[in-house]
PDB file of N, CA and C in Angstrom:
ATOM      1  N   MET A   1       0.856  -1.176   0.000  1.00  0.00           N
ATOM      2  CA  MET A   1       0.000   0.000   0.000  1.00  0.00           C
ATOM      3  C   MET A   1       0.901   1.239   0.000  1.00  0.00           C
ATOM      4  N   GLU A   2       0.447   2.254  -0.675  1.00  0.00           N
ATOM      5  CA  GLU A   2       1.203   3.508  -0.752  1.00  0.00           C
ATOM      6  C   GLU A   2       1.443   4.104   0.627  1.00  0.00           C
ATOM      7  N   SER A   3       2.631   4.650   0.811  1.00  0.00           N
ATOM      8  CA  SER A   3       2.984   5.250   2.101  1.00  0.00           C
ATOM      9  C   SER A   3       2.089   6.430   2.442  1.00  0.00           C
ATOM     10  N   THR A   4       1.696   7.201   1.444  1.00  0.00           N
ATOM     11  CA  THR A   4       0.833   8.357   1.720  1.00  0.00           C
ATOM     12  C   THR A   4      -0.559   7.911   2.169  1.00  0.00           C
ATOM     13  N   ILE A   5      -1.018   6.775   1.664  1.00  0.00           N
ATOM     14  CA  ILE A   5      -2.311   6.247   2.115  1.00  0.00           C
ATOM     15  C   ILE A   5      -2.204   5.791   3.568  1.00  0.00           C
ATOM     16  N   LEU A   6      -1.104   5.127   3.903  1.00  0.00           N
ATOM     17  CA  LEU A   6      -0.891   4.707   5.291  1.00  0.00           C
ATOM     18  C   LEU A   6      -0.775   5.922   6.206  1.00  0.00           C
ATOM     19  N   LEU A   7      -0.099   6.972   5.742  1.00  0.00           N
ATOM     20  CA  LEU A   7      -0.018   8.211   6.517  1.00  0.00           C
ATOM     21  C   LEU A   7      -1.424   8.744   6.781  1.00  0.00           C
ATOM     22  N   GLY A   8      -2.257   8.770   5.758  1.00  0.00           N
ATOM     23  CA  GLY A   8      -3.631   9.244   5.922  1.00  0.00           C
ATOM     24  C   GLY A   8      -4.412   8.423   6.934  1.00  0.00           C
ATOM     25  N   LYS A   9      -4.224   7.115   6.916  1.00  0.00           N
ATOM     26  CA  LYS A   9      -4.899   6.239   7.884  1.00  0.00           C
ATOM     27  C   LYS A   9      -4.436   6.538   9.303  1.00  0.00           C
ATOM     28  N   ILE A  10      -3.124   6.727   9.467  1.00  0.00           N
ATOM     29  CA  ILE A  10      -2.573   7.038  10.789  1.00  0.00           C
ATOM     30  C   ILE A  10      -3.163   8.350  11.300  1.00  0.00           C
ATOM     31  N   LEU A  11      -3.140   9.367  10.457  1.00  0.00           N
ATOM     32  CA  LEU A  11      -3.651  10.682  10.866  1.00  0.00           C
ATOM     33  C   LEU A  11      -5.138  10.638  11.190  1.00  0.00           C
ATOM     34  N   GLN A  12      -5.905   9.879  10.412  1.00  0.00           N
ATOM     35  CA  GLN A  12      -7.335   9.772  10.662  1.00  0.00           C
ATOM     36  C   GLN A  12      -7.592   9.081  12.000  1.00  0.00           C
ATOM     37  N   ARG A  13      -6.869   8.008  12.272  1.00  0.00           N
ATOM     38  CA  ARG A  13      -7.055   7.311  13.557  1.00  0.00           C
ATOM     39  C   ARG A  13      -6.643   8.192  14.723  1.00  0.00           C
ATOM     40  N   PHE A  14      -5.550   8.931  14.546  1.00  0.00           N
ATOM     41  CA  PHE A  14      -5.085   9.824  15.605  1.00  0.00           C
ATOM     42  C   PHE A  14      -6.119  10.911  15.868  1.00  0.00           C
ATOM     43  N   ASP A  15      -6.651  11.488  14.806  1.00  0.00           N
ATOM     44  CA  ASP A  15      -7.679  12.516  14.949  1.00  0.00           C
ATOM     45  C   ASP A  15      -8.942  11.937  15.603  1.00  0.00           C
ATOM     46  N   ASP A  16      -9.323  10.743  15.221  1.00  0.00           N
ATOM     47  CA  ASP A  16     -10.515  10.106  15.792  1.00  0.00           C
ATOM     48  C   ASP A  16     -10.344   9.779  17.272  1.00  0.00           C
ATOM     49  N   LYS A  17      -9.201   9.195  17.618  1.00  0.00           N
ATOM     50  CA  LYS A  17      -8.960   8.751  19.000  1.00  0.00           C
ATOM     51  C   LYS A  17      -8.490   9.882  19.917  1.00  0.00           C
ATOM     52  N   LYS A  18      -7.847  10.867  19.334  1.00  0.00           N
ATOM     53  CA  LYS A  18      -7.278  12.016  20.043  1.00  0.00           C
ATOM     54  C   LYS A  18      -6.053  11.662  20.896  1.00  0.00           C
ATOM     55  N   VAL A  19      -5.697  10.393  20.973  1.00  0.00           N
ATOM     56  CA  VAL A  19      -4.470   9.975  21.665  1.00  0.00           C
ATOM     57  C   VAL A  19      -3.836   8.821  20.901  1.00  0.00           C
ATOM     58  N   ALA A  20      -2.523   8.721  21.048  1.00  0.00           N
ATOM     59  CA  ALA A  20      -1.773   7.569  20.558  1.00  0.00           C
ATOM     60  C   ALA A  20      -1.045   7.006  21.768  1.00  0.00           C
ATOM     61  N   LYS A  21      -1.249   5.733  22.010  1.00  0.00           N
ATOM     62  CA  LYS A  21      -0.700   5.101  23.218  1.00  0.00           C
ATOM     63  C   LYS A  21      -0.322   3.666  22.914  1.00  0.00           C
ATOM     64  N   VAL A  22       0.872   3.282  23.361  1.00  0.00           N
ATOM     65  CA  VAL A  22       1.326   1.896  23.353  1.00  0.00           C
ATOM     66  C   VAL A  22       1.642   1.557  24.800  1.00  0.00           C
ATOM     67  N   ASP A  23       1.145   0.405  25.266  1.00  0.00           N
ATOM     68  CA  ASP A  23       1.372   0.003  26.662  1.00  0.00           C
ATOM     69  C   ASP A  23       2.835   0.151  27.059  1.00  0.00           C
ATOM     70  N   ARG A  24       3.042   0.677  28.242  1.00  0.00           N
ATOM     71  CA  ARG A  24       4.355   0.873  28.858  1.00  0.00           C
ATOM     72  C   ARG A  24       5.176   1.988  28.218  1.00  0.00           C
ATOM     73  N   TYR A  25       4.566   2.776  27.350  1.00  0.00           N
ATOM     74  CA  TYR A  25       5.250   3.909  26.727  1.00  0.00           C
ATOM     75  C   TYR A  25       4.405   5.164  26.932  1.00  0.00           C
ATOM     76  N   SER A  26       4.982   6.297  26.616  1.00  0.00           N
ATOM     77  CA  SER A  26       4.295   7.576  26.784  1.00  0.00           C
ATOM     78  C   SER A  26       3.078   7.683  25.876  1.00  0.00           C
ATOM     79  N   THR A  27       2.138   8.506  26.326  1.00  0.00           N
ATOM     80  CA  THR A  27       0.935   8.813  25.557  1.00  0.00           C
ATOM     81  C   THR A  27       1.129  10.165  24.883  1.00  0.00           C
ATOM     82  N   PHE A  28       0.626  10.268  23.657  1.00  0.00           N
ATOM     83  CA  PHE A  28       0.700  11.517  22.916  1.00  0.00           C
ATOM     84  C   PHE A  28      -0.708  11.923  22.512  1.00  0.00           C
ATOM     85  N   GLY A  29      -1.022  13.193  22.731  1.00  0.00           N
ATOM     86  CA  GLY A  29      -2.343  13.704  22.409  1.00  0.00           C
ATOM     87  C   GLY A  29      -2.350  14.467  21.101  1.00  0.00           C
ATOM     88  N   TYR A  30      -3.466  14.409  20.417  1.00  0.00           N
ATOM     89  CA  TYR A  30      -3.649  15.129  19.158  1.00  0.00           C
ATOM     90  C   TYR A  30      -3.962  16.590  19.459  1.00  0.00           C
ATOM     91  N   LEU A  31      -3.184  17.494  18.901  1.00  0.00           N
ATOM     92  CA  LEU A  31      -3.443  18.921  19.066  1.00  0.00           C
ATOM     93  C   LEU A  31      -4.043  19.527  17.798  1.00  0.00           C
ATOM     94  N   ARG A  32      -3.304  19.382  16.696  1.00  0.00           N
ATOM     95  CA  ARG A  32      -3.780  19.914  15.419  1.00  0.00           C
ATOM     96  C   ARG A  32      -2.916  19.358  14.296  1.00  0.00           C
ATOM     97  N   GLU A  33      -3.359  19.642  13.099  1.00  0.00           N
ATOM     98  CA  GLU A  33      -2.679  19.148  11.913  1.00  0.00           C
ATOM     99  C   GLU A  33      -2.577  20.278  10.901  1.00  0.00           C
ATOM    100  N   THR A  34      -1.462  20.310  10.164  1.00  0.00           N
ATOM    101  CA  THR A  34      -1.293  21.262   9.063  1.00  0.00           C
ATOM    102  C   THR A  34      -1.071  20.451   7.781  1.00  0.00           C
ATOM    103  N   ASN A  35      -0.669  21.115   6.735  1.00  0.00           N
ATOM    104  CA  ASN A  35      -0.395  20.420   5.469  1.00  0.00           C
ATOM    105  C   ASN A  35       0.890  19.608   5.509  1.00  0.00           C
ATOM    106  N   THR A  36       1.739  19.862   6.508  1.00  0.00           N
ATOM    107  CA  THR A  36       3.049  19.195   6.535  1.00  0.00           C
ATOM    108  C   THR A  36       3.374  18.491   7.845  1.00  0.00           C
ATOM    109  N   ALA A  37       2.523  18.649   8.851  1.00  0.00           N
ATOM    110  CA  ALA A  37       2.869  18.097  10.164  1.00  0.00           C
ATOM    111  C   ALA A  37       1.639  17.917  11.034  1.00  0.00           C
ATOM    112  N   VAL A  38       1.834  17.113  12.066  1.00  0.00           N
ATOM    113  CA  VAL A  38       0.830  16.976  13.115  1.00  0.00           C
ATOM    114  C   VAL A  38       1.503  17.419  14.415  1.00  0.00           C
ATOM    115  N   TYR A  39       0.741  18.090  15.258  1.00  0.00           N
ATOM    116  CA  TYR A  39       1.262  18.573  16.534  1.00  0.00           C
ATOM    117  C   TYR A  39       0.702  17.701  17.649  1.00  0.00           C
ATOM    118  N   VAL A  40       1.602  17.277  18.531  1.00  0.00           N
ATOM    119  CA  VAL A  40       1.205  16.371  19.608  1.00  0.00           C
ATOM    120  C   VAL A  40       1.556  16.969  20.963  1.00  0.00           C
ATOM    121  N   SER A  41       0.739  16.617  21.949  1.00  0.00           N
ATOM    122  CA  SER A  41       1.082  16.946  23.332  1.00  0.00           C
ATOM    123  C   SER A  41       1.791  15.729  23.914  1.00  0.00           C
ATOM    124  N   ARG A  42       2.673  15.992  24.857  1.00  0.00           N
ATOM    125  CA  ARG A  42       3.422  14.923  25.511  1.00  0.00           C
ATOM    126  C   ARG A  42       3.004  14.849  26.971  1.00  0.00           C
ATOM    127  N   GLU A  43       3.041  13.634  27.527  1.00  0.00           N
ATOM    128  CA  GLU A  43       2.775  13.475  28.959  1.00  0.00           C
ATOM    129  C   GLU A  43       3.794  14.266  29.766  1.00  0.00           C
ATOM    130  N   LYS A  44       5.039  14.174  29.325  1.00  0.00           N
ATOM    131  CA  LYS A  44       6.131  14.878  29.992  1.00  0.00           C
ATOM    132  C   LYS A  44       6.872  15.673  28.933  1.00  0.00           C
ATOM    133  N   GLY A  45       6.994  16.939  29.146  1.00  0.00           N
ATOM    134  CA  GLY A  45       7.725  17.750  28.183  1.00  0.00           C
ATOM    135  C   GLY A  45       6.824  18.646  27.358  1.00  0.00           C
ATOM    136  N   LYS A  46       7.457  19.275  26.379  1.00  0.00           N
ATOM    137  CA  LYS A  46       6.777  20.262  25.545  1.00  0.00           C
ATOM    138  C   LYS A  46       6.039  19.595  24.389  1.00  0.00           C
ATOM    139  N   ASN A  47       5.035  20.302  23.898  1.00  0.00           N
ATOM    140  CA  ASN A  47       4.344  19.858  22.691  1.00  0.00           C
ATOM    141  C   ASN A  47       5.360  19.761  21.560  1.00  0.00           C
ATOM    142  N   SER A  48       5.090  18.877  20.604  1.00  0.00           N
ATOM    143  CA  SER A  48       6.039  18.643  19.518  1.00  0.00           C
ATOM    144  C   SER A  48       5.359  18.677  18.164  1.00  0.00           C
ATOM    145  N   ARG A  49       6.115  19.132  17.198  1.00  0.00           N
ATOM    146  CA  ARG A  49       5.704  19.102  15.793  1.00  0.00           C
ATOM    147  C   ARG A  49       6.300  17.828  15.191  1.00  0.00           C
ATOM    148  N   ILE A  50       5.458  17.006  14.587  1.00  0.00           N
ATOM    149  CA  ILE A  50       5.913  15.777  13.949  1.00  0.00           C
ATOM    150  C   ILE A  50       5.663  15.928  12.451  1.00  0.00           C
ATOM    151  N   SER A  51       6.741  16.024  11.683  1.00  0.00           N
ATOM    152  CA  SER A  51       6.575  16.226  10.243  1.00  0.00           C
ATOM    153  C   SER A  51       6.069  14.951   9.577  1.00  0.00           C
ATOM    154  N   PHE A  52       5.294  15.137   8.534  1.00  0.00           N
ATOM    155  CA  PHE A  52       4.815  13.998   7.772  1.00  0.00           C
ATOM    156  C   PHE A  52       5.997  13.252   7.154  1.00  0.00           C
ATOM    157  N   THR A  53       7.067  13.979   6.857  1.00  0.00           N
ATOM    158  CA  THR A  53       8.269  13.351   6.305  1.00  0.00           C
ATOM    159  C   THR A  53       8.818  12.315   7.272  1.00  0.00           C
ATOM    160  N   ASP A  54       8.881  12.640   8.558  1.00  0.00           N
ATOM    161  CA  ASP A  54       9.373  11.674   9.549  1.00  0.00           C
ATOM    162  C   ASP A  54       8.448  10.473   9.671  1.00  0.00           C
ATOM    163  N   ILE A  55       7.154  10.711   9.643  1.00  0.00           N
ATOM    164  CA  ILE A  55       6.205   9.588   9.732  1.00  0.00           C
ATOM    165  C   ILE A  55       6.355   8.691   8.508  1.00  0.00           C
ATOM    166  N   ILE A  56       6.503   9.287   7.336  1.00  0.00           N
ATOM    167  CA  ILE A  56       6.668   8.487   6.117  1.00  0.00           C
ATOM    168  C   ILE A  56       7.977   7.707   6.154  1.00  0.00           C
ATOM    169  N   LYS A  57       9.036   8.291   6.710  1.00  0.00           N
ATOM    170  CA  LYS A  57      10.283   7.530   6.870  1.00  0.00           C
ATOM    171  C   LYS A  57      10.033   6.276   7.708  1.00  0.00           C
ATOM    172  N   GLY A  58       9.271   6.420   8.779  1.00  0.00           N
ATOM    173  CA  GLY A  58       8.938   5.278   9.623  1.00  0.00           C
ATOM    174  C   GLY A  58       8.083   4.265   8.882  1.00  0.00           C
ATOM    175  N   ILE A  59       7.117   4.734   8.127  1.00  0.00           N
ATOM    176  CA  ILE A  59       6.269   3.845   7.327  1.00  0.00           C
ATOM    177  C   ILE A  59       7.132   3.053   6.350  1.00  0.00           C
ATOM    178  N   GLU A  60       8.028   3.741   5.668  1.00  0.00           N
ATOM    179  CA  GLU A  60       8.905   3.081   4.699  1.00  0.00           C
ATOM    180  C   GLU A  60       9.798   2.040   5.385  1.00  0.00           C
ATOM    181  N   ALA A  61      10.291   2.370   6.566  1.00  0.00           N
ATOM    182  CA  ALA A  61      11.121   1.415   7.313  1.00  0.00           C
ATOM    183  C   ALA A  61      10.320   0.167   7.656  1.00  0.00           C
ATOM    184  N   TYR A  62       9.096   0.336   8.108  1.00  0.00           N
ATOM    185  CA  TYR A  62       8.251  -0.805   8.470  1.00  0.00           C
ATOM    186  C   TYR A  62       7.838  -1.603   7.236  1.00  0.00           C
ATOM    187  N   LYS A  63       7.615  -0.929   6.119  1.00  0.00           N
ATOM    188  CA  LYS A  63       7.286  -1.646   4.890  1.00  0.00           C
ATOM    189  C   LYS A  63       8.487  -2.465   4.411  1.00  0.00           C
ATOM    190  N   TYR A  64       9.671  -1.907   4.548  1.00  0.00           N
ATOM    191  CA  TYR A  64      10.903  -2.595   4.152  1.00  0.00           C
ATOM    192  C   TYR A  64      11.164  -3.805   5.037  1.00  0.00           C
ATOM    193  N   ASN A  65      10.919  -3.628   6.354  1.00  0.00           N
ATOM    194  CA  ASN A  65      11.160  -4.706   7.311  1.00  0.00           C
ATOM    195  C   ASN A  65      10.082  -4.662   8.396  1.00  0.00           C
ATOM    196  N   PRO A  66       8.947  -5.327   8.171  1.00  0.00           N
ATOM    197  CA  PRO A  66       7.849  -5.295   9.140  1.00  0.00           C
ATOM    198  C   PRO A  66       8.230  -5.778  10.541  1.00  0.00           C
ATOM    199  N   ALA A  67       9.281  -6.565  10.670  1.00  0.00           N
ATOM    200  CA  ALA A  67       9.708  -7.037  11.993  1.00  0.00           C
ATOM    201  C   ALA A  67      10.134  -5.880  12.889  1.00  0.00           C
ATOM    202  N   LEU A  68      10.480  -4.744  12.309  1.00  0.00           N
ATOM    203  CA  LEU A  68      10.850  -3.568  13.096  1.00  0.00           C
ATOM    204  C   LEU A  68       9.694  -3.081  13.953  1.00  0.00           C
ATOM    205  N   TYR A  69       8.479  -3.423  13.563  1.00  0.00           N
ATOM    206  CA  TYR A  69       7.277  -3.037  14.302  1.00  0.00           C
ATOM    207  C   TYR A  69       7.362  -3.493  15.756  1.00  0.00           C
ATOM    208  N   ASN A  70       8.013  -4.610  15.988  1.00  0.00           N
ATOM    209  CA  ASN A  70       8.112  -5.189  17.332  1.00  0.00           C
ATOM    210  C   ASN A  70       9.326  -4.694  18.112  1.00  0.00           C
ATOM    211  N   GLU A  71      10.094  -3.810  17.530  1.00  0.00           N
ATOM    212  CA  GLU A  71      11.271  -3.242  18.187  1.00  0.00           C
ATOM    213  C   GLU A  71      10.905  -1.968  18.952  1.00  0.00           C
ATOM    214  N   ALA A  72      11.808  -1.548  19.807  1.00  0.00           N
ATOM    215  CA  ALA A  72      11.626  -0.321  20.597  1.00  0.00           C
ATOM    216  C   ALA A  72      11.762   0.914  19.701  1.00  0.00           C
ATOM    217  N   PRO A  73      11.293   2.062  20.178  1.00  0.00           N
ATOM    218  CA  PRO A  73      11.346   3.289  19.368  1.00  0.00           C
ATOM    219  C   PRO A  73      12.740   3.648  18.854  1.00  0.00           C
ATOM    220  N   VAL A  74      13.768   3.290  19.593  1.00  0.00           N
ATOM    221  CA  VAL A  74      15.131   3.654  19.212  1.00  0.00           C
ATOM    222  C   VAL A  74      15.510   3.119  17.831  1.00  0.00           C
ATOM    223  N   VAL A  75      14.860   2.072  17.355  1.00  0.00           N
ATOM    224  CA  VAL A  75      15.188   1.497  16.052  1.00  0.00           C
ATOM    225  C   VAL A  75      14.976   2.511  14.924  1.00  0.00           C
ATOM    226  N   LEU A  76      14.097   3.468  15.121  1.00  0.00           N
ATOM    227  CA  LEU A  76      13.823   4.460  14.080  1.00  0.00           C
ATOM    228  C   LEU A  76      14.976   5.430  13.872  1.00  0.00           C
ATOM    229  N   ARG A  77      15.866   5.522  14.818  1.00  0.00           N
ATOM    230  CA  ARG A  77      17.038   6.401  14.642  1.00  0.00           C
ATOM    231  C   ARG A  77      17.898   5.944  13.468  1.00  0.00           C
ATOM    232  N   ASN A  78      17.886   4.650  13.194  1.00  0.00           N
ATOM    233  CA  ASN A  78      18.644   4.119  12.064  1.00  0.00           C
ATOM    234  C   ASN A  78      18.108   4.601  10.727  1.00  0.00           C
ATOM    235  N   PHE A  79      16.936   5.199  10.735  1.00  0.00           N
ATOM    236  CA  PHE A  79      16.299   5.681   9.511  1.00  0.00           C
ATOM    237  C   PHE A  79      16.211   7.203   9.478  1.00  0.00           C
ATOM    238  N   GLY A  80      17.012   7.853  10.300  1.00  0.00           N
ATOM    239  CA  GLY A  80      17.093   9.312  10.285  1.00  0.00           C
ATOM    240  C   GLY A  80      16.017  10.023  11.077  1.00  0.00           C
ATOM    241  N   ILE A  81      15.294   9.287  11.912  1.00  0.00           N
ATOM    242  CA  ILE A  81      14.263   9.917  12.742  1.00  0.00           C
ATOM    243  C   ILE A  81      14.866  10.149  14.119  1.00  0.00           C
ATOM    244  N   THR A  82      15.072  11.407  14.462  1.00  0.00           N
ATOM    245  CA  THR A  82      15.671  11.763  15.745  1.00  0.00           C
ATOM    246  C   THR A  82      14.800  12.800  16.443  1.00  0.00           C
ATOM    247  N   ARG A  83      14.985  12.961  17.713  1.00  0.00           N
ATOM    248  CA  ARG A  83      14.272  13.918  18.559  1.00  0.00           C
ATOM    249  C   ARG A  83      12.795  13.601  18.718  1.00  0.00           C
ATOM    250  N   VAL A  84      12.147  13.073  17.686  1.00  0.00           N
ATOM    251  CA  VAL A  84      10.722  12.740  17.755  1.00  0.00           C
ATOM    252  C   VAL A  84      10.498  11.237  17.576  1.00  0.00           C
ATOM    253  N   THR A  85      11.520  10.474  17.910  1.00  0.00           N
ATOM    254  CA  THR A  85      11.467   9.024  17.707  1.00  0.00           C
ATOM    255  C   THR A  85      10.270   8.395  18.399  1.00  0.00           C
ATOM    256  N   SER A  86      10.072   8.706  19.665  1.00  0.00           N
ATOM    257  CA  SER A  86       8.999   8.087  20.436  1.00  0.00           C
ATOM    258  C   SER A  86       7.613   8.436  19.907  1.00  0.00           C
ATOM    259  N   PRO A  87       7.305   9.706  19.624  1.00  0.00           N
ATOM    260  CA  PRO A  87       5.970   9.977  19.083  1.00  0.00           C
ATOM    261  C   PRO A  87       5.743   9.370  17.697  1.00  0.00           C
ATOM    262  N   VAL A  88       6.759   9.380  16.839  1.00  0.00           N
ATOM    263  CA  VAL A  88       6.599   8.769  15.518  1.00  0.00           C
ATOM    264  C   VAL A  88       6.319   7.280  15.683  1.00  0.00           C
ATOM    265  N   TRP A  89       7.101   6.611  16.519  1.00  0.00           N
ATOM    266  CA  TRP A  89       6.927   5.181  16.773  1.00  0.00           C
ATOM    267  C   TRP A  89       5.515   4.885  17.278  1.00  0.00           C
ATOM    268  N   THR A  90       5.048   5.709  18.195  1.00  0.00           N
ATOM    269  CA  THR A  90       3.713   5.515  18.749  1.00  0.00           C
ATOM    270  C   THR A  90       2.641   5.741  17.687  1.00  0.00           C
ATOM    271  N   LEU A  91       2.798   6.752  16.865  1.00  0.00           N
ATOM    272  CA  LEU A  91       1.847   6.986  15.783  1.00  0.00           C
ATOM    273  C   LEU A  91       1.826   5.817  14.805  1.00  0.00           C
ATOM    274  N   LEU A  92       2.995   5.269  14.496  1.00  0.00           N
ATOM    275  CA  LEU A  92       3.062   4.129  13.584  1.00  0.00           C
ATOM    276  C   LEU A  92       2.300   2.929  14.133  1.00  0.00           C
ATOM    277  N   HIS A  93       2.205   2.850  15.450  1.00  0.00           N
ATOM    278  CA  HIS A  93       1.495   1.735  16.082  1.00  0.00           C
ATOM    279  C   HIS A  93      -0.022   1.944  16.150  1.00  0.00           C
ATOM    280  N   LEU A  94      -0.512   3.018  15.551  1.00  0.00           N
ATOM    281  CA  LEU A  94      -1.958   3.157  15.396  1.00  0.00           C
ATOM    282  C   LEU A  94      -2.469   2.187  14.324  1.00  0.00           C
ATOM    283  N   LEU A  95      -1.545   1.685  13.493  1.00  0.00           N
ATOM    284  CA  LEU A  95      -1.871   0.652  12.518  1.00  0.00           C
ATOM    285  C   LEU A  95      -1.306  -0.669  13.014  1.00  0.00           C
ATOM    286  N   SER A  96      -1.757  -1.751  12.422  1.00  0.00           N
ATOM    287  CA  SER A  96      -1.229  -3.079  12.801  1.00  0.00           C
ATOM    288  C   SER A  96      -0.037  -3.424  11.913  1.00  0.00           C
ATOM    289  N   ILE A  97       0.715  -4.402  12.341  1.00  0.00           N
ATOM    290  CA  ILE A  97       1.868  -4.843  11.559  1.00  0.00           C
ATOM    291  C   ILE A  97       1.441  -5.289  10.166  1.00  0.00           C
ATOM    292  N   GLN A  98       0.261  -5.854  10.042  1.00  0.00           N
ATOM    293  CA  GLN A  98      -0.236  -6.323   8.748  1.00  0.00           C
ATOM    294  C   GLN A  98      -0.394  -5.180   7.739  1.00  0.00           C
ATOM    295  N   ASP A  99      -0.659  -3.987   8.240  1.00  0.00           N
ATOM    296  CA  ASP A  99      -0.799  -2.836   7.340  1.00  0.00           C
ATOM    297  C   ASP A  99       0.505  -2.507   6.623  1.00  0.00           C
ATOM    298  N   TYR A 100       1.626  -2.881   7.206  1.00  0.00           N
ATOM    299  CA  TYR A 100       2.928  -2.564   6.630  1.00  0.00           C
ATOM    300  C   TYR A 100       3.460  -3.685   5.736  1.00  0.00           C
ATOM    301  N   GLN A 101       2.788  -4.823   5.726  1.00  0.00           N
ATOM    302  CA  GLN A 101       3.270  -5.963   4.939  1.00  0.00           C
ATOM    303  C   GLN A 101       2.762  -5.922   3.510  1.00  0.00           C
TER     304      GLN A 101
END
């Protein structure tokens, strides 16, 4: 499936649920969306801007190797996602591993 379609699904689920949460990890709240990014609130720390480019990098990584879905957020650093690794990882988990296969 096209990465942009998967991005749209992630954003729609995030907007619908208003939170992204994976057990034992931080929760991120939906604040707003622009043409290039989604803004999230953090349980601890400042609100963050998450670019669609970073989310698509994560989508591409999971499509390339779906087993990465079961790894910790730090695995996304290998794909150039830094500073927002945890929120991107959590957003990617709004879909199932099957969506990336």
